[in-house]
Amino acid sequence: GPRVFEREISSIPLFRNKAKHIIATAKIISRDFGGNVPRAAGQLQALPGVGYKTAHVVLGELFNDWPGIPTDTHVKRFAHRFDLSDNTDLKKISHDLEKLISKKNWQYISGFPTST
């Protein structure tokens, strides 16, 4: 149940919201995708709590497909420090970096572990 799950993940920030989104997302994936994680960024981003960054991390880590650069606060700081983007919106920073960096290297930008 949701309360048990909340207790299990209570050590992470915003655990109540995350628990709600994870449970809702699991139900949608089960119902609409036959239990399989969608392989398209747009489908993933339509799920509760999934944005550009999460969608691209999931695609990269599960399917070794990096259709975009997952940008977080650390990548934002790096992009600003090295004058690679003037944007403050993470998705726009991702797009700025995607124009500058060869697609074959997108998986290495975020610092997430990679499956390759």
PDB file of N, CA and C in Angstrom:
ATOM      1  N   GLY A   1       0.806  -1.197   0.000  1.00  0.00           N
ATOM      2  CA  GLY A   1       0.000   0.000   0.000  1.00  0.00           C
ATOM      3  C   GLY A   1       0.847   1.258   0.000  1.00  0.00           C
ATOM      4  N   PRO A   2       0.233   2.377  -0.298  1.00  0.00           N
ATOM      5  CA  PRO A   2       0.961   3.652  -0.375  1.00  0.00           C
ATOM      6  C   PRO A   2       1.680   4.032   0.920  1.00  0.00           C
ATOM      7  N   ARG A   3       1.070   3.812   2.076  1.00  0.00           N
ATOM      8  CA  ARG A   3       1.698   4.191   3.348  1.00  0.00           C
ATOM      9  C   ARG A   3       2.949   3.344   3.610  1.00  0.00           C
ATOM     10  N   VAL A   4       2.873   2.075   3.301  1.00  0.00           N
ATOM     11  CA  VAL A   4       4.036   1.192   3.483  1.00  0.00           C
ATOM     12  C   VAL A   4       5.159   1.640   2.551  1.00  0.00           C
ATOM     13  N   PHE A   5       4.812   1.928   1.314  1.00  0.00           N
ATOM     14  CA  PHE A   5       5.809   2.367   0.341  1.00  0.00           C
ATOM     15  C   PHE A   5       6.435   3.694   0.772  1.00  0.00           C
ATOM     16  N   GLU A   6       5.619   4.605   1.259  1.00  0.00           N
ATOM     17  CA  GLU A   6       6.140   5.878   1.759  1.00  0.00           C
ATOM     18  C   GLU A   6       7.171   5.655   2.860  1.00  0.00           C
ATOM     19  N   ARG A   7       6.871   4.755   3.783  1.00  0.00           N
ATOM     20  CA  ARG A   7       7.826   4.457   4.860  1.00  0.00           C
ATOM     21  C   ARG A   7       9.127   3.883   4.295  1.00  0.00           C
ATOM     22  N   GLU A   8       9.003   3.045   3.289  1.00  0.00           N
ATOM     23  CA  GLU A   8      10.186   2.421   2.698  1.00  0.00           C
ATOM     24  C   GLU A   8      11.116   3.444   2.045  1.00  0.00           C
ATOM     25  N   ILE A   9      10.561   4.506   1.482  1.00  0.00           N
ATOM     26  CA  ILE A   9      11.398   5.491   0.790  1.00  0.00           C
ATOM     27  C   ILE A   9      11.482   6.817   1.552  1.00  0.00           C
ATOM     28  N   SER A  10      11.119   6.808   2.818  1.00  0.00           N
ATOM     29  CA  SER A  10      11.039   8.048   3.600  1.00  0.00           C
ATOM     30  C   SER A  10      12.375   8.763   3.789  1.00  0.00           C
ATOM     31  N   SER A  11      13.473   8.112   3.496  1.00  0.00           N
ATOM     32  CA  SER A  11      14.780   8.760   3.666  1.00  0.00           C
ATOM     33  C   SER A  11      15.132   9.678   2.490  1.00  0.00           C
ATOM     34  N   ILE A  12      14.357   9.649   1.415  1.00  0.00           N
ATOM     35  CA  ILE A  12      14.652  10.521   0.275  1.00  0.00           C
ATOM     36  C   ILE A  12      13.762  11.761   0.321  1.00  0.00           C
ATOM     37  N   PRO A  13      14.257  12.865  -0.202  1.00  0.00           N
ATOM     38  CA  PRO A  13      13.459  14.094  -0.194  1.00  0.00           C
ATOM     39  C   PRO A  13      12.149  13.922  -0.972  1.00  0.00           C
ATOM     40  N   LEU A  14      11.112  14.579  -0.500  1.00  0.00           N
ATOM     41  CA  LEU A  14       9.796  14.590  -1.159  1.00  0.00           C
ATOM     42  C   LEU A  14       9.226  13.180  -1.332  1.00  0.00           C
ATOM     43  N   PHE A  15       9.461  12.321  -0.360  1.00  0.00           N
ATOM     44  CA  PHE A  15       9.095  10.911  -0.496  1.00  0.00           C
ATOM     45  C   PHE A  15       7.601  10.696  -0.709  1.00  0.00           C
ATOM     46  N   ARG A  16       6.742  11.509  -0.121  1.00  0.00           N
ATOM     47  CA  ARG A  16       5.288  11.308  -0.296  1.00  0.00           C
ATOM     48  C   ARG A  16       4.883  11.534  -1.756  1.00  0.00           C
ATOM     49  N   ASN A  17       5.360  12.628  -2.322  1.00  0.00           N
ATOM     50  CA  ASN A  17       5.059  12.909  -3.733  1.00  0.00           C
ATOM     51  C   ASN A  17       5.649  11.834  -4.640  1.00  0.00           C
ATOM     52  N   LYS A  18       6.876  11.445  -4.374  1.00  0.00           N
ATOM     53  CA  LYS A  18       7.533  10.431  -5.202  1.00  0.00           C
ATOM     54  C   LYS A  18       6.805   9.098  -5.102  1.00  0.00           C
ATOM     55  N   ALA A  19       6.380   8.729  -3.916  1.00  0.00           N
ATOM     56  CA  ALA A  19       5.629   7.481  -3.750  1.00  0.00           C
ATOM     57  C   ALA A  19       4.343   7.525  -4.560  1.00  0.00           C
ATOM     58  N   LYS A  20       3.638   8.645  -4.480  1.00  0.00           N
ATOM     59  CA  LYS A  20       2.389   8.806  -5.235  1.00  0.00           C
ATOM     60  C   LYS A  20       2.642   8.676  -6.739  1.00  0.00           C
ATOM     61  N   HIS A  21       3.692   9.334  -7.225  1.00  0.00           N
ATOM     62  CA  HIS A  21       4.009   9.282  -8.661  1.00  0.00           C
ATOM     63  C   HIS A  21       4.453   7.889  -9.097  1.00  0.00           C
ATOM     64  N   ILE A  22       5.265   7.234  -8.283  1.00  0.00           N
ATOM     65  CA  ILE A  22       5.749   5.892  -8.643  1.00  0.00           C
ATOM     66  C   ILE A  22       4.590   4.910  -8.728  1.00  0.00           C
ATOM     67  N   ILE A  23       3.697   4.962  -7.766  1.00  0.00           N
ATOM     68  CA  ILE A  23       2.545   4.048  -7.775  1.00  0.00           C
ATOM     69  C   ILE A  23       1.651   4.328  -8.982  1.00  0.00           C
ATOM     70  N   ALA A  24       1.368   5.602  -9.250  1.00  0.00           N
ATOM     71  CA  ALA A  24       0.526   5.961 -10.398  1.00  0.00           C
ATOM     72  C   ALA A  24       1.198   5.552 -11.711  1.00  0.00           C
ATOM     73  N   THR A  25       2.497   5.777 -11.808  1.00  0.00           N
ATOM     74  CA  THR A  25       3.238   5.410 -13.021  1.00  0.00           C
ATOM     75  C   THR A  25       3.233   3.900 -13.228  1.00  0.00           C
ATOM     76  N   ALA A  26       3.432   3.141 -12.164  1.00  0.00           N
ATOM     77  CA  ALA A  26       3.416   1.673 -12.268  1.00  0.00           C
ATOM     78  C   ALA A  26       2.061   1.185 -12.770  1.00  0.00           C
ATOM     79  N   LYS A  27       0.983   1.779 -12.275  1.00  0.00           N
ATOM     80  CA  LYS A  27      -0.361   1.383 -12.732  1.00  0.00           C
ATOM     81  C   LYS A  27      -0.553   1.691 -14.211  1.00  0.00           C
ATOM     82  N   ILE A  28      -0.095   2.864 -14.643  1.00  0.00           N
ATOM     83  CA  ILE A  28      -0.238   3.243 -16.053  1.00  0.00           C
ATOM     84  C   ILE A  28       0.599   2.330 -16.942  1.00  0.00           C
ATOM     85  N   ILE A  29       1.831   2.051 -16.536  1.00  0.00           N
ATOM     86  CA  ILE A  29       2.692   1.171 -17.343  1.00  0.00           C
ATOM     87  C   ILE A  29       2.074  -0.222 -17.438  1.00  0.00           C
ATOM     88  N   SER A  30       1.536  -0.701 -16.346  1.00  0.00           N
ATOM     89  CA  SER A  30       0.886  -2.014 -16.347  1.00  0.00           C
ATOM     90  C   SER A  30      -0.331  -2.025 -17.267  1.00  0.00           C
ATOM     91  N   ARG A  31      -1.164  -1.019 -17.132  1.00  0.00           N
ATOM     92  CA  ARG A  31      -2.417  -0.960 -17.882  1.00  0.00           C
ATOM     93  C   ARG A  31      -2.210  -0.624 -19.358  1.00  0.00           C
ATOM     94  N   ASP A  32      -1.418   0.416 -19.642  1.00  0.00           N
ATOM     95  CA  ASP A  32      -1.323   0.937 -21.010  1.00  0.00           C
ATOM     96  C   ASP A  32      -0.166   0.383 -21.829  1.00  0.00           C
ATOM     97  N   PHE A  33       0.835  -0.166 -21.169  1.00  0.00           N
ATOM     98  CA  PHE A  33       2.024  -0.626 -21.889  1.00  0.00           C
ATOM     99  C   PHE A  33       2.345  -2.092 -21.627  1.00  0.00           C
ATOM    100  N   GLY A  34       1.364  -2.835 -21.117  1.00  0.00           N
ATOM    101  CA  GLY A  34       1.551  -4.259 -20.879  1.00  0.00           C
ATOM    102  C   GLY A  34       2.673  -4.572 -19.902  1.00  0.00           C
ATOM    103  N   GLY A  35       2.967  -3.635 -19.007  1.00  0.00           N
ATOM    104  CA  GLY A  35       4.018  -3.853 -18.025  1.00  0.00           C
ATOM    105  C   GLY A  35       5.411  -3.519 -18.521  1.00  0.00           C
ATOM    106  N   ASN A  36       5.539  -3.053 -19.754  1.00  0.00           N
ATOM    107  CA  ASN A  36       6.837  -2.703 -20.321  1.00  0.00           C
ATOM    108  C   ASN A  36       7.059  -1.198 -20.262  1.00  0.00           C
ATOM    109  N   VAL A  37       8.251  -0.798 -19.885  1.00  0.00           N
ATOM    110  CA  VAL A  37       8.586   0.623 -19.840  1.00  0.00           C
ATOM    111  C   VAL A  37       8.579   1.170 -21.261  1.00  0.00           C
ATOM    112  N   PRO A  38       7.882   2.290 -21.500  1.00  0.00           N
ATOM    113  CA  PRO A  38       7.860   2.882 -22.842  1.00  0.00           C
ATOM    114  C   PRO A  38       9.262   3.244 -23.319  1.00  0.00           C
ATOM    115  N   ARG A  39       9.447   3.160 -24.630  1.00  0.00           N
ATOM    116  CA  ARG A  39      10.769   3.434 -25.209  1.00  0.00           C
ATOM    117  C   ARG A  39      10.838   4.779 -25.900  1.00  0.00           C
ATOM    118  N   ALA A  40       9.855   5.638 -25.680  1.00  0.00           N
ATOM    119  CA  ALA A  40       9.842   6.964 -26.298  1.00  0.00           C
ATOM    120  C   ALA A  40       9.820   8.035 -25.209  1.00  0.00           C
ATOM    121  N   ALA A  41      10.627   9.065 -25.386  1.00  0.00           N
ATOM    122  CA  ALA A  41      10.728  10.128 -24.385  1.00  0.00           C
ATOM    123  C   ALA A  41       9.368  10.774 -24.129  1.00  0.00           C
ATOM    124  N   GLY A  42       8.601  11.023 -25.169  1.00  0.00           N
ATOM    125  CA  GLY A  42       7.287  11.651 -25.008  1.00  0.00           C
ATOM    126  C   GLY A  42       6.341  10.810 -24.168  1.00  0.00           C
ATOM    127  N   GLN A  43       6.351   9.502 -24.389  1.00  0.00           N
ATOM    128  CA  GLN A  43       5.500   8.601 -23.595  1.00  0.00           C
ATOM    129  C   GLN A  43       5.941   8.588 -22.139  1.00  0.00           C
ATOM    130  N   LEU A  44       7.233   8.587 -21.919  1.00  0.00           N
ATOM    131  CA  LEU A  44       7.738   8.604 -20.544  1.00  0.00           C
ATOM    132  C   LEU A  44       7.383   9.913 -19.844  1.00  0.00           C
ATOM    133  N   GLN A  45       7.543  11.030 -20.550  1.00  0.00           N
ATOM    134  CA  GLN A  45       7.276  12.329 -19.955  1.00  0.00           C
ATOM    135  C   GLN A  45       5.789  12.543 -19.673  1.00  0.00           C
ATOM    136  N   ALA A  46       4.941  11.753 -20.278  1.00  0.00           N
ATOM    137  CA  ALA A  46       3.505  11.844 -20.000  1.00  0.00           C
ATOM    138  C   ALA A  46       3.137  11.132 -18.698  1.00  0.00           C
ATOM    139  N   LEU A  47       4.066  10.368 -18.144  1.00  0.00           N
ATOM    140  CA  LEU A  47       3.820   9.649 -16.890  1.00  0.00           C
ATOM    141  C   LEU A  47       3.969  10.597 -15.705  1.00  0.00           C
ATOM    142  N   PRO A  48       3.241  10.348 -14.621  1.00  0.00           N
ATOM    143  CA  PRO A  48       3.314  11.224 -13.447  1.00  0.00           C
ATOM    144  C   PRO A  48       4.730  11.308 -12.871  1.00  0.00           C
ATOM    145  N   GLY A  49       5.204  12.530 -12.682  1.00  0.00           N
ATOM    146  CA  GLY A  49       6.499  12.751 -12.058  1.00  0.00           C
ATOM    147  C   GLY A  49       7.696  12.556 -12.960  1.00  0.00           C
ATOM    148  N   VAL A  50       7.484  12.298 -14.241  1.00  0.00           N
ATOM    149  CA  VAL A  50       8.596  12.067 -15.162  1.00  0.00           C
ATOM    150  C   VAL A  50       8.755  13.283 -16.066  1.00  0.00           C
ATOM    151  N   GLY A  51       9.929  13.894 -15.993  1.00  0.00           N
ATOM    152  CA  GLY A  51      10.242  15.035 -16.846  1.00  0.00           C
ATOM    153  C   GLY A  51      11.318  14.675 -17.850  1.00  0.00           C
ATOM    154  N   TYR A  52      11.842  15.688 -18.499  1.00  0.00           N
ATOM    155  CA  TYR A  52      12.851  15.514 -19.545  1.00  0.00           C
ATOM    156  C   TYR A  52      14.064  14.728 -19.021  1.00  0.00           C
ATOM    157  N   LYS A  53      14.590  15.143 -17.873  1.00  0.00           N
ATOM    158  CA  LYS A  53      15.789  14.493 -17.329  1.00  0.00           C
ATOM    159  C   LYS A  53      15.540  13.014 -17.030  1.00  0.00           C
ATOM    160  N   THR A  54      14.478  12.728 -16.289  1.00  0.00           N
ATOM    161  CA  THR A  54      14.197  11.339 -15.908  1.00  0.00           C
ATOM    162  C   THR A  54      13.941  10.476 -17.135  1.00  0.00           C
ATOM    163  N   ALA A  55      13.179  11.000 -18.084  1.00  0.00           N
ATOM    164  CA  ALA A  55      12.888  10.235 -19.300  1.00  0.00           C
ATOM    165  C   ALA A  55      14.175   9.852 -20.016  1.00  0.00           C
ATOM    166  N   HIS A  56      15.102  10.786 -20.106  1.00  0.00           N
ATOM    167  CA  HIS A  56      16.335  10.512 -20.837  1.00  0.00           C
ATOM    168  C   HIS A  56      17.295   9.612 -20.057  1.00  0.00           C
ATOM    169  N   VAL A  57      17.275   9.693 -18.735  1.00  0.00           N
ATOM    170  CA  VAL A  57      18.073   8.758 -17.933  1.00  0.00           C
ATOM    171  C   VAL A  57      17.514   7.345 -18.094  1.00  0.00           C
ATOM    172  N   VAL A  58      16.199   7.201 -18.036  1.00  0.00           N
ATOM    173  CA  VAL A  58      15.569   5.884 -18.189  1.00  0.00           C
ATOM    174  C   VAL A  58      15.892   5.295 -19.556  1.00  0.00           C
ATOM    175  N   LEU A  59      15.720   6.077 -20.611  1.00  0.00           N
ATOM    176  CA  LEU A  59      16.012   5.570 -21.958  1.00  0.00           C
ATOM    177  C   LEU A  59      17.484   5.170 -22.101  1.00  0.00           C
ATOM    178  N   GLY A  60      18.352   5.969 -21.524  1.00  0.00           N
ATOM    179  CA  GLY A  60      19.775   5.669 -21.621  1.00  0.00           C
ATOM    180  C   GLY A  60      20.172   4.438 -20.828  1.00  0.00           C
ATOM    181  N   GLU A  61      19.709   4.389 -19.593  1.00  0.00           N
ATOM    182  CA  GLU A  61      20.122   3.292 -18.723  1.00  0.00           C
ATOM    183  C   GLU A  61      19.440   1.967 -19.066  1.00  0.00           C
ATOM    184  N   LEU A  62      18.167   2.008 -19.418  1.00  0.00           N
ATOM    185  CA  LEU A  62      17.460   0.756 -19.720  1.00  0.00           C
ATOM    186  C   LEU A  62      17.683   0.263 -21.140  1.00  0.00           C
ATOM    187  N   PHE A  63      17.757   1.206 -22.083  1.00  0.00           N
ATOM    188  CA  PHE A  63      17.775   0.814 -23.493  1.00  0.00           C
ATOM    189  C   PHE A  63      19.034   1.264 -24.240  1.00  0.00           C
ATOM    190  N   ASN A  64      19.981   1.872 -23.511  1.00  0.00           N
ATOM    191  CA  ASN A  64      21.188   2.407 -24.136  1.00  0.00           C
ATOM    192  C   ASN A  64      20.858   3.322 -25.310  1.00  0.00           C
ATOM    193  N   ASP A  65      19.829   4.121 -25.125  1.00  0.00           N
ATOM    194  CA  ASP A  65      19.380   5.086 -26.134  1.00  0.00           C
ATOM    195  C   ASP A  65      19.407   6.452 -25.460  1.00  0.00           C
ATOM    196  N   TRP A  66      20.250   7.348 -25.955  1.00  0.00           N
ATOM    197  CA  TRP A  66      20.400   8.672 -25.352  1.00  0.00           C
ATOM    198  C   TRP A  66      19.891   9.735 -26.333  1.00  0.00           C
ATOM    199  N   PRO A  67      18.555   9.942 -26.401  1.00  0.00           N
ATOM    200  CA  PRO A  67      17.996  10.914 -27.341  1.00  0.00           C
ATOM    201  C   PRO A  67      18.133  12.360 -26.861  1.00  0.00           C
ATOM    202  N   GLY A  68      18.673  12.554 -25.672  1.00  0.00           N
ATOM    203  CA  GLY A  68      18.872  13.896 -25.139  1.00  0.00           C
ATOM    204  C   GLY A  68      19.816  13.839 -23.951  1.00  0.00           C
ATOM    205  N   ILE A  69      20.271  15.000 -23.530  1.00  0.00           N
ATOM    206  CA  ILE A  69      21.173  15.080 -22.379  1.00  0.00           C
ATOM    207  C   ILE A  69      20.345  15.340 -21.129  1.00  0.00           C
ATOM    208  N   PRO A  70      20.370  14.427 -20.158  1.00  0.00           N
ATOM    209  CA  PRO A  70      19.657  14.673 -18.904  1.00  0.00           C
ATOM    210  C   PRO A  70      20.412  15.706 -18.071  1.00  0.00           C
ATOM    211  N   THR A  71      19.783  16.828 -17.847  1.00  0.00           N
ATOM    212  CA  THR A  71      20.445  17.927 -17.167  1.00  0.00           C
ATOM    213  C   THR A  71      19.894  18.116 -15.761  1.00  0.00           C
ATOM    214  N   ASP A  72      20.794  18.215 -14.788  1.00  0.00           N
ATOM    215  CA  ASP A  72      20.410  18.488 -13.411  1.00  0.00           C
ATOM    216  C   ASP A  72      21.163  19.734 -12.941  1.00  0.00           C
ATOM    217  N   THR A  73      21.084  20.013 -11.671  1.00  0.00           N
ATOM    218  CA  THR A  73      21.721  21.204 -11.111  1.00  0.00           C
ATOM    219  C   THR A  73      23.221  21.226 -11.375  1.00  0.00           C
ATOM    220  N   HIS A  74      23.876  20.073 -11.303  1.00  0.00           N
ATOM    221  CA  HIS A  74      25.322  20.009 -11.497  1.00  0.00           C
ATOM    222  C   HIS A  74      25.706  20.307 -12.945  1.00  0.00           C
ATOM    223  N   VAL A  75      24.941  19.759 -13.890  1.00  0.00           N
ATOM    224  CA  VAL A  75      25.205  20.032 -15.304  1.00  0.00           C
ATOM    225  C   VAL A  75      24.919  21.506 -15.590  1.00  0.00           C
ATOM    226  N   LYS A  76      23.879  22.037 -14.984  1.00  0.00           N
ATOM    227  CA  LYS A  76      23.551  23.460 -15.141  1.00  0.00           C
ATOM    228  C   LYS A  76      24.732  24.318 -14.681  1.00  0.00           C
ATOM    229  N   ARG A  77      25.272  24.011 -13.510  1.00  0.00           N
ATOM    230  CA  ARG A  77      26.409  24.764 -12.968  1.00  0.00           C
ATOM    231  C   ARG A  77      27.609  24.686 -13.917  1.00  0.00           C
ATOM    232  N   PHE A  78      27.881  23.496 -14.424  1.00  0.00           N
ATOM    233  CA  PHE A  78      28.975  23.287 -15.372  1.00  0.00           C
ATOM    234  C   PHE A  78      28.747  24.116 -16.646  1.00  0.00           C
ATOM    235  N   ALA A  79      27.530  24.054 -17.188  1.00  0.00           N
ATOM    236  CA  ALA A  79      27.209  24.776 -18.424  1.00  0.00           C
ATOM    237  C   ALA A  79      27.375  26.284 -18.248  1.00  0.00           C
ATOM    238  N   HIS A  80      26.989  26.795 -17.097  1.00  0.00           N
ATOM    239  CA  HIS A  80      27.143  28.229 -16.842  1.00  0.00           C
ATOM    240  C   HIS A  80      28.601  28.608 -16.589  1.00  0.00           C
ATOM    241  N   ARG A  81      29.299  27.786 -15.830  1.00  0.00           N
ATOM    242  CA  ARG A  81      30.696  28.090 -15.509  1.00  0.00           C
ATOM    243  C   ARG A  81      31.555  28.163 -16.771  1.00  0.00           C
ATOM    244  N   PHE A  82      31.259  27.294 -17.744  1.00  0.00           N
ATOM    245  CA  PHE A  82      32.044  27.259 -18.972  1.00  0.00           C
ATOM    246  C   PHE A  82      31.362  27.992 -20.124  1.00  0.00           C
ATOM    247  N   ASP A  83      30.361  28.814 -19.769  1.00  0.00           N
ATOM    248  CA  ASP A  83      29.657  29.668 -20.726  1.00  0.00           C
ATOM    249  C   ASP A  83      29.109  28.883 -21.921  1.00  0.00           C
ATOM    250  N   LEU A  84      28.518  27.725 -21.628  1.00  0.00           N
ATOM    251  CA  LEU A  84      27.934  26.889 -22.677  1.00  0.00           C
ATOM    252  C   LEU A  84      26.449  27.153 -22.854  1.00  0.00           C
ATOM    253  N   SER A  85      25.850  27.853 -21.897  1.00  0.00           N
ATOM    254  CA  SER A  85      24.426  28.192 -21.972  1.00  0.00           C
ATOM    255  C   SER A  85      24.154  29.394 -21.076  1.00  0.00           C
ATOM    256  N   ASP A  86      23.261  30.246 -21.533  1.00  0.00           N
ATOM    257  CA  ASP A  86      22.818  31.379 -20.727  1.00  0.00           C
ATOM    258  C   ASP A  86      21.459  31.101 -20.109  1.00  0.00           C
ATOM    259  N   ASN A  87      20.863  29.974 -20.439  1.00  0.00           N
ATOM    260  CA  ASN A  87      19.523  29.639 -19.956  1.00  0.00           C
ATOM    261  C   ASN A  87      19.562  29.190 -18.497  1.00  0.00           C
ATOM    262  N   THR A  88      18.417  29.333 -17.827  1.00  0.00           N
ATOM    263  CA  THR A  88      18.284  28.837 -16.464  1.00  0.00           C
ATOM    264  C   THR A  88      17.386  27.608 -16.420  1.00  0.00           C
ATOM    265  N   ASP A  89      16.539  27.446 -17.420  1.00  0.00           N
ATOM    266  CA  ASP A  89      15.654  26.291 -17.516  1.00  0.00           C
ATOM    267  C   ASP A  89      16.474  25.061 -17.915  1.00  0.00           C
ATOM    268  N   LEU A  90      16.342  23.979 -17.142  1.00  0.00           N
ATOM    269  CA  LEU A  90      17.160  22.783 -17.370  1.00  0.00           C
ATOM    270  C   LEU A  90      16.953  22.179 -18.754  1.00  0.00           C
ATOM    271  N   LYS A  91      15.716  22.157 -19.224  1.00  0.00           N
ATOM    272  CA  LYS A  91      15.443  21.582 -20.544  1.00  0.00           C
ATOM    273  C   LYS A  91      16.113  22.419 -21.641  1.00  0.00           C
ATOM    274  N   LYS A  92      16.083  23.727 -21.483  1.00  0.00           N
ATOM    275  CA  LYS A  92      16.732  24.601 -22.476  1.00  0.00           C
ATOM    276  C   LYS A  92      18.249  24.443 -22.434  1.00  0.00           C
ATOM    277  N   ILE A  93      18.790  24.252 -21.236  1.00  0.00           N
ATOM    278  CA  ILE A  93      20.230  23.989 -21.115  1.00  0.00           C
ATOM    279  C   ILE A  93      20.567  22.681 -21.822  1.00  0.00           C
ATOM    280  N   SER A  94      19.732  21.667 -21.638  1.00  0.00           N
ATOM    281  CA  SER A  94      19.937  20.391 -22.336  1.00  0.00           C
ATOM    282  C   SER A  94      20.013  20.621 -23.836  1.00  0.00           C
ATOM    283  N   HIS A  95      19.061  21.388 -24.359  1.00  0.00           N
ATOM    284  CA  HIS A  95      19.036  21.639 -25.808  1.00  0.00           C
ATOM    285  C   HIS A  95      20.269  22.428 -26.264  1.00  0.00           C
ATOM    286  N   ASP A  96      20.712  23.383 -25.450  1.00  0.00           N
ATOM    287  CA  ASP A  96      21.929  24.123 -25.796  1.00  0.00           C
ATOM    288  C   ASP A  96      23.125  23.186 -25.871  1.00  0.00           C
ATOM    289  N   LEU A  97      23.251  22.303 -24.877  1.00  0.00           N
ATOM    290  CA  LEU A  97      24.374  21.362 -24.858  1.00  0.00           C
ATOM    291  C   LEU A  97      24.284  20.365 -26.007  1.00  0.00           C
ATOM    292  N   GLU A  98      23.066  19.953 -26.344  1.00  0.00           N
ATOM    293  CA  GLU A  98      22.874  18.992 -27.435  1.00  0.00           C
ATOM    294  C   GLU A  98      23.335  19.569 -28.771  1.00  0.00           C
ATOM    295  N   LYS A  99      23.281  20.891 -28.910  1.00  0.00           N
ATOM    296  CA  LYS A  99      23.759  21.539 -30.142  1.00  0.00           C
ATOM    297  C   LYS A  99      25.285  21.586 -30.195  1.00  0.00           C
ATOM    298  N   LEU A 100      25.910  21.574 -29.025  1.00  0.00           N
ATOM    299  CA  LEU A 100      27.365  21.734 -28.948  1.00  0.00           C
ATOM    300  C   LEU A 100      28.142  20.414 -28.903  1.00  0.00           C
ATOM    301  N   ILE A 101      27.492  19.376 -28.426  1.00  0.00           N
ATOM    302  CA  ILE A 101      28.195  18.115 -28.156  1.00  0.00           C
ATOM    303  C   ILE A 101      27.706  17.034 -29.109  1.00  0.00           C
ATOM    304  N   SER A 102      28.624  16.264 -29.622  1.00  0.00           N
ATOM    305  CA  SER A 102      28.288  15.166 -30.522  1.00  0.00           C
ATOM    306  C   SER A 102      27.353  14.181 -29.813  1.00  0.00           C
ATOM    307  N   LYS A 103      26.316  13.725 -30.512  1.00  0.00           N
ATOM    308  CA  LYS A 103      25.326  12.832 -29.920  1.00  0.00           C
ATOM    309  C   LYS A 103      25.954  11.583 -29.304  1.00  0.00           C
ATOM    310  N   LYS A 104      27.017  11.079 -29.901  1.00  0.00           N
ATOM    311  CA  LYS A 104      27.652   9.867 -29.373  1.00  0.00           C
ATOM    312  C   LYS A 104      28.218  10.067 -27.966  1.00  0.00           C
ATOM    313  N   ASN A 105      28.370  11.328 -27.542  1.00  0.00           N
ATOM    314  CA  ASN A 105      28.913  11.629 -26.217  1.00  0.00           C
ATOM    315  C   ASN A 105      27.869  12.099 -25.212  1.00  0.00           C
ATOM    316  N   TRP A 106      26.604  12.161 -25.606  1.00  0.00           N
ATOM    317  CA  TRP A 106      25.569  12.658 -24.704  1.00  0.00           C
ATOM    318  C   TRP A 106      25.464  11.840 -23.425  1.00  0.00           C
ATOM    319  N   GLN A 107      25.704  10.558 -23.511  1.00  0.00           N
ATOM    320  CA  GLN A 107      25.563   9.706 -22.328  1.00  0.00           C
ATOM    321  C   GLN A 107      26.583  10.030 -21.240  1.00  0.00           C
ATOM    322  N   TYR A 108      27.654  10.697 -21.584  1.00  0.00           N
ATOM    323  CA  TYR A 108      28.710  10.979 -20.614  1.00  0.00           C
ATOM    324  C   TYR A 108      28.565  12.334 -19.913  1.00  0.00           C
ATOM    325  N   ILE A 109      27.670  13.168 -20.384  1.00  0.00           N
ATOM    326  CA  ILE A 109      27.570  14.545 -19.894  1.00  0.00           C
ATOM    327  C   ILE A 109      26.981  14.622 -18.486  1.00  0.00           C
ATOM    328  N   SER A 110      25.956  13.868 -18.219  1.00  0.00           N
ATOM    329  CA  SER A 110      25.233  14.014 -16.957  1.00  0.00           C
ATOM    330  C   SER A 110      25.977  13.438 -15.758  1.00  0.00           C
ATOM    331  N   GLY A 111      26.902  12.546 -15.979  1.00  0.00           N
ATOM    332  CA  GLY A 111      27.605  11.925 -14.870  1.00  0.00           C
ATOM    333  C   GLY A 111      26.885  10.717 -14.300  1.00  0.00           C
ATOM    334  N   PHE A 112      25.740  10.343 -14.900  1.00  0.00           N
ATOM    335  CA  PHE A 112      25.049   9.147 -14.453  1.00  0.00           C
ATOM    336  C   PHE A 112      25.845   7.931 -14.908  1.00  0.00           C
ATOM    337  N   PRO A 113      25.791   6.845 -14.149  1.00  0.00           N
ATOM    338  CA  PRO A 113      26.461   5.632 -14.617  1.00  0.00           C
ATOM    339  C   PRO A 113      25.854   5.214 -15.956  1.00  0.00           C
ATOM    340  N   THR A 114      26.658   4.697 -16.819  1.00  0.00           N
ATOM    341  CA  THR A 114      26.143   4.282 -18.114  1.00  0.00           C
ATOM    342  C   THR A 114      26.264   2.783 -18.282  1.00  0.00           C
ATOM    343  N   SER A 115      25.392   2.270 -19.124  1.00  0.00           N
ATOM    344  CA  SER A 115      25.369   0.826 -19.345  1.00  0.00           C
ATOM    345  C   SER A 115      26.366   0.408 -20.416  1.00  0.00           C
ATOM    346  N   THR A 116      27.079   1.359 -21.015  1.00  0.00           N
ATOM    347  CA  THR A 116      28.049   0.999 -22.032  1.00  0.00           C
ATOM    348  C   THR A 116      29.440   1.146 -21.528  1.00  0.00           C
TER     349      THR A 116
END
